[in-house]
Amino acid sequence: MRRIASEEGVRALWKGVGPAMARAATLTASQLATYDESKQALIKYTPLEEGFHLHLISSTIAGSVSTVMTAPMDMVKTRLMLQRESNCAGLYRNGLHCAYQVLRTEGPSGLYKGGFAIFARLAPQTMITFVLCEKLRGMAGLKAI
């Protein structure tokens, strides 16, 4: 922190905070909405009933959708945070400028660089979170989500 503050200024300590906040909001919203909607659809259109398998499949779907929604923001956040350390990254004014430059130079697939790694981290986390949440609710005597 001292090196960053002295070499790049105190403002550099907050590089990427905008995309990080947008990512956090998008992640939470997409996880919760997708989990709830996929669970209701699975109950309605498949023979699955309330229980572990339903929770696991619904949370896997939620983790997949969340990955698709947040991967571009993760890529932008990472590039903003590393731009001073890398000469090839160029200087981005903000998250939108970074996303625009990536789209212009690398195309839409450039926004999803590292997407598989994000999925490998986010999907299991989402699955564990929702399966555990449902189990704890059941143990507490509460209805499933």
C-alpha atoms as a PDB file:
ATOM      1  CA  MET A   1       0.000   0.000   0.000  1.00  0.00           C
ATOM      2  CA  ARG A   2       2.828   2.362   0.826  1.00  0.00           C
ATOM      3  CA  ARG A   3       4.504   1.703  -2.540  1.00  0.00           C
ATOM      4  CA  ILE A   4       1.281   2.246  -4.479  1.00  0.00           C
ATOM      5  CA  ALA A   5       0.459   5.427  -2.576  1.00  0.00           C
ATOM      6  CA  SER A   6       3.957   6.859  -3.026  1.00  0.00           C
ATOM      7  CA  GLU A   7       4.420   5.873  -6.692  1.00  0.00           C
ATOM      8  CA  GLU A   8       0.886   6.247  -8.036  1.00  0.00           C
ATOM      9  CA  GLY A   9      -0.829   8.439  -5.458  1.00  0.00           C
ATOM     10  CA  VAL A  10      -3.381   7.706  -2.751  1.00  0.00           C
ATOM     11  CA  ARG A  11      -6.219   7.579  -5.320  1.00  0.00           C
ATOM     12  CA  ALA A  12      -4.569   4.500  -6.840  1.00  0.00           C
ATOM     13  CA  LEU A  13      -5.570   2.548  -3.729  1.00  0.00           C
ATOM     14  CA  TRP A  14      -9.141   2.717  -5.022  1.00  0.00           C
ATOM     15  CA  LYS A  15      -8.426   1.615  -8.606  1.00  0.00           C
ATOM     16  CA  GLY A  16     -11.159  -0.694  -9.757  1.00  0.00           C
ATOM     17  CA  VAL A  17     -13.583   0.116  -6.930  1.00  0.00           C
ATOM     18  CA  GLY A  18     -16.344   1.188  -9.366  1.00  0.00           C
ATOM     19  CA  PRO A  19     -16.315  -2.064 -11.361  1.00  0.00           C
ATOM     20  CA  ALA A  20     -15.921  -4.028  -8.121  1.00  0.00           C
ATOM     21  CA  MET A  21     -19.085  -2.442  -6.689  1.00  0.00           C
ATOM     22  CA  ALA A  22     -20.994  -2.992  -9.934  1.00  0.00           C
ATOM     23  CA  ARG A  23     -19.795  -6.590  -9.981  1.00  0.00           C
ATOM     24  CA  ALA A  24     -20.865  -7.213  -6.376  1.00  0.00           C
ATOM     25  CA  ALA A  25     -24.338  -5.826  -7.016  1.00  0.00           C
ATOM     26  CA  THR A  26     -24.719  -7.763 -10.270  1.00  0.00           C
ATOM     27  CA  LEU A  27     -23.402 -10.962  -8.704  1.00  0.00           C
ATOM     28  CA  THR A  28     -25.802 -10.865  -5.775  1.00  0.00           C
ATOM     29  CA  ALA A  29     -28.810  -9.893  -7.874  1.00  0.00           C
ATOM     30  CA  SER A  30     -28.139 -12.518 -10.539  1.00  0.00           C
ATOM     31  CA  GLN A  31     -27.481 -15.270  -7.987  1.00  0.00           C
ATOM     32  CA  LEU A  32     -30.607 -14.642  -5.938  1.00  0.00           C
ATOM     33  CA  ALA A  33     -32.971 -14.040  -8.850  1.00  0.00           C
ATOM     34  CA  THR A  34     -31.670 -16.955 -10.915  1.00  0.00           C
ATOM     35  CA  TYR A  35     -31.702 -19.369  -7.988  1.00  0.00           C
ATOM     36  CA  ASP A  36     -35.280 -18.505  -7.100  1.00  0.00           C
ATOM     37  CA  GLU A  37     -36.591 -18.539 -10.686  1.00  0.00           C
ATOM     38  CA  SER A  38     -34.765 -21.718 -11.712  1.00  0.00           C
ATOM     39  CA  LYS A  39     -35.952 -23.483  -8.576  1.00  0.00           C
ATOM     40  CA  GLN A  40     -39.580 -22.530  -9.272  1.00  0.00           C
ATOM     41  CA  ALA A  41     -39.271 -23.577 -12.928  1.00  0.00           C
ATOM     42  CA  LEU A  42     -37.706 -26.921 -11.997  1.00  0.00           C
ATOM     43  CA  ILE A  43     -40.479 -27.621  -9.493  1.00  0.00           C
ATOM     44  CA  LYS A  44     -43.111 -26.728 -12.089  1.00  0.00           C
ATOM     45  CA  TYR A  45     -41.667 -28.462 -15.173  1.00  0.00           C
ATOM     46  CA  THR A  46     -39.711 -31.428 -13.796  1.00  0.00           C
ATOM     47  CA  PRO A  47     -40.425 -34.198 -11.297  1.00  0.00           C
ATOM     48  CA  LEU A  48     -37.930 -32.633  -8.850  1.00  0.00           C
ATOM     49  CA  GLU A  49     -39.265 -31.851  -5.402  1.00  0.00           C
ATOM     50  CA  GLU A  50     -37.905 -29.760  -2.560  1.00  0.00           C
ATOM     51  CA  GLY A  51     -34.598 -31.292  -1.488  1.00  0.00           C
ATOM     52  CA  PHE A  52     -30.880 -31.600  -2.137  1.00  0.00           C
ATOM     53  CA  HIS A  53     -31.037 -32.358  -5.872  1.00  0.00           C
ATOM     54  CA  LEU A  54     -33.342 -29.420  -6.579  1.00  0.00           C
ATOM     55  CA  HIS A  55     -31.126 -27.089  -4.553  1.00  0.00           C
ATOM     56  CA  LEU A  56     -27.956 -28.358  -6.236  1.00  0.00           C
ATOM     57  CA  ILE A  57     -29.299 -27.961  -9.784  1.00  0.00           C
ATOM     58  CA  SER A  58     -30.837 -24.545  -9.069  1.00  0.00           C
ATOM     59  CA  SER A  59     -27.639 -23.263  -7.492  1.00  0.00           C
ATOM     60  CA  THR A  60     -25.556 -24.597 -10.400  1.00  0.00           C
ATOM     61  CA  ILE A  61     -27.761 -22.665 -12.807  1.00  0.00           C
ATOM     62  CA  ALA A  62     -27.426 -19.568 -10.606  1.00  0.00           C
ATOM     63  CA  GLY A  63     -23.632 -19.929 -10.559  1.00  0.00           C
ATOM     64  CA  SER A  64     -23.537 -20.247 -14.345  1.00  0.00           C
ATOM     65  CA  VAL A  65     -25.697 -17.181 -14.942  1.00  0.00           C
ATOM     66  CA  SER A  66     -23.728 -15.187 -12.380  1.00  0.00           C
ATOM     67  CA  THR A  67     -20.507 -16.065 -14.183  1.00  0.00           C
ATOM     68  CA  VAL A  68     -21.883 -14.842 -17.507  1.00  0.00           C
ATOM     69  CA  MET A  69     -23.093 -11.623 -15.871  1.00  0.00           C
ATOM     70  CA  THR A  70     -19.950 -10.800 -13.892  1.00  0.00           C
ATOM     71  CA  ALA A  71     -17.043 -12.051 -16.047  1.00  0.00           C
ATOM     72  CA  PRO A  72     -16.827  -8.810 -18.065  1.00  0.00           C
ATOM     73  CA  MET A  73     -16.758  -6.766 -14.861  1.00  0.00           C
ATOM     74  CA  ASP A  74     -14.038  -8.980 -13.397  1.00  0.00           C
ATOM     75  CA  MET A  75     -11.933  -8.532 -16.530  1.00  0.00           C
ATOM     76  CA  VAL A  76     -12.387  -4.731 -16.472  1.00  0.00           C
ATOM     77  CA  LYS A  77     -11.648  -4.559 -12.739  1.00  0.00           C
ATOM     78  CA  THR A  78      -8.487  -6.618 -13.152  1.00  0.00           C
ATOM     79  CA  ARG A  79      -7.220  -4.519 -16.054  1.00  0.00           C
ATOM     80  CA  LEU A  80      -7.872  -1.294 -14.173  1.00  0.00           C
ATOM     81  CA  MET A  81      -6.065  -2.559 -11.106  1.00  0.00           C
ATOM     82  CA  LEU A  82      -3.035  -3.799 -13.082  1.00  0.00           C
ATOM     83  CA  GLN A  83      -2.734  -1.104 -15.722  1.00  0.00           C
ATOM     84  CA  ARG A  84       0.253   0.686 -14.134  1.00  0.00           C
ATOM     85  CA  GLU A  85       2.181  -2.579 -13.823  1.00  0.00           C
ATOM     86  CA  SER A  86       1.669  -3.594 -17.449  1.00  0.00           C
ATOM     87  CA  ASN A  87       2.787  -1.554 -20.431  1.00  0.00           C
ATOM     88  CA  CYS A  88       0.676  -3.579 -22.870  1.00  0.00           C
ATOM     89  CA  ALA A  89      -2.584  -2.922 -20.999  1.00  0.00           C
ATOM     90  CA  GLY A  90      -2.567   0.778 -21.817  1.00  0.00           C
ATOM     91  CA  LEU A  91      -4.124   3.507 -19.755  1.00  0.00           C
ATOM     92  CA  TYR A  92      -7.832   3.322 -19.156  1.00  0.00           C
ATOM     93  CA  ARG A  93      -9.669   6.355 -17.830  1.00  0.00           C
ATOM     94  CA  ASN A  94     -12.402   4.295 -16.129  1.00  0.00           C
ATOM     95  CA  GLY A  95     -14.300   1.023 -16.363  1.00  0.00           C
ATOM     96  CA  LEU A  96     -16.441   2.054 -19.333  1.00  0.00           C
ATOM     97  CA  HIS A  97     -13.398   3.254 -21.259  1.00  0.00           C
ATOM     98  CA  CYS A  98     -11.656  -0.047 -20.517  1.00  0.00           C
ATOM     99  CA  ALA A  99     -14.662  -2.094 -21.674  1.00  0.00           C
ATOM    100  CA  TYR A 100     -14.945   0.027 -24.835  1.00  0.00           C
ATOM    101  CA  GLN A 101     -11.248  -0.439 -25.641  1.00  0.00           C
ATOM    102  CA  VAL A 102     -11.481  -4.190 -25.102  1.00  0.00           C
ATOM    103  CA  LEU A 103     -14.572  -4.436 -27.333  1.00  0.00           C
ATOM    104  CA  ARG A 104     -12.900  -2.312 -29.997  1.00  0.00           C
ATOM    105  CA  THR A 105      -9.576  -4.179 -30.031  1.00  0.00           C
ATOM    106  CA  GLU A 106     -10.491  -7.728 -28.961  1.00  0.00           C
ATOM    107  CA  GLY A 107     -14.195  -8.062 -29.699  1.00  0.00           C
ATOM    108  CA  PRO A 108     -16.929  -9.331 -27.370  1.00  0.00           C
ATOM    109  CA  SER A 109     -14.985 -12.472 -26.462  1.00  0.00           C
ATOM    110  CA  GLY A 110     -12.315 -10.225 -24.930  1.00  0.00           C
ATOM    111  CA  LEU A 111     -14.744  -9.350 -22.148  1.00  0.00           C
ATOM    112  CA  TYR A 112     -14.874 -13.024 -21.154  1.00  0.00           C
ATOM    113  CA  LYS A 113     -11.151 -13.688 -20.851  1.00  0.00           C
ATOM    114  CA  GLY A 114     -10.691 -15.785 -17.745  1.00  0.00           C
ATOM    115  CA  GLY A 115     -14.361 -16.759 -17.741  1.00  0.00           C
ATOM    116  CA  PHE A 116     -13.683 -20.432 -17.096  1.00  0.00           C
ATOM    117  CA  ALA A 117     -11.521 -19.596 -14.057  1.00  0.00           C
ATOM    118  CA  ILE A 118     -14.288 -17.336 -12.770  1.00  0.00           C
ATOM    119  CA  PHE A 119     -16.833 -20.138 -13.255  1.00  0.00           C
ATOM    120  CA  ALA A 120     -14.522 -22.630 -11.502  1.00  0.00           C
ATOM    121  CA  ARG A 121     -14.490 -20.347  -8.455  1.00  0.00           C
ATOM    122  CA  LEU A 122     -18.005 -18.919  -8.539  1.00  0.00           C
ATOM    123  CA  ALA A 123     -20.106 -21.999  -9.351  1.00  0.00           C
ATOM    124  CA  PRO A 124     -18.928 -24.115  -6.381  1.00  0.00           C
ATOM    125  CA  GLN A 125     -19.219 -21.106  -4.063  1.00  0.00           C
ATOM    126  CA  THR A 126     -22.794 -20.485  -5.224  1.00  0.00           C
ATOM    127  CA  MET A 127     -23.703 -24.165  -4.920  1.00  0.00           C
ATOM    128  CA  ILE A 128     -22.314 -24.448  -1.408  1.00  0.00           C
ATOM    129  CA  THR A 129     -23.962 -21.195  -0.334  1.00  0.00           C
ATOM    130  CA  PHE A 130     -27.478 -22.076  -1.466  1.00  0.00           C
ATOM    131  CA  VAL A 131     -27.410 -25.769  -0.508  1.00  0.00           C
ATOM    132  CA  LEU A 132     -26.109 -24.830   2.952  1.00  0.00           C
ATOM    133  CA  CYS A 133     -28.631 -22.005   3.273  1.00  0.00           C
ATOM    134  CA  GLU A 134     -31.517 -24.341   2.459  1.00  0.00           C
ATOM    135  CA  LYS A 135     -30.199 -26.984   4.878  1.00  0.00           C
ATOM    136  CA  LEU A 136     -29.778 -24.452   7.699  1.00  0.00           C
ATOM    137  CA  ARG A 137     -33.276 -23.071   7.072  1.00  0.00           C
ATOM    138  CA  GLY A 138     -34.660 -26.585   7.312  1.00  0.00           C
ATOM    139  CA  MET A 139     -32.749 -27.265  10.532  1.00  0.00           C
ATOM    140  CA  ALA A 140     -34.139 -24.035  11.992  1.00  0.00           C
ATOM    141  CA  GLY A 141     -37.670 -25.071  11.124  1.00  0.00           C
ATOM    142  CA  LEU A 142     -38.090 -22.466   8.373  1.00  0.00           C
ATOM    143  CA  LYS A 143     -39.612 -23.025   4.937  1.00  0.00           C
ATOM    144  CA  ALA A 144     -37.322 -23.414   1.954  1.00  0.00           C
ATOM    145  CA  ILE A 145     -36.535 -20.300  -0.046  1.00  0.00           C
END
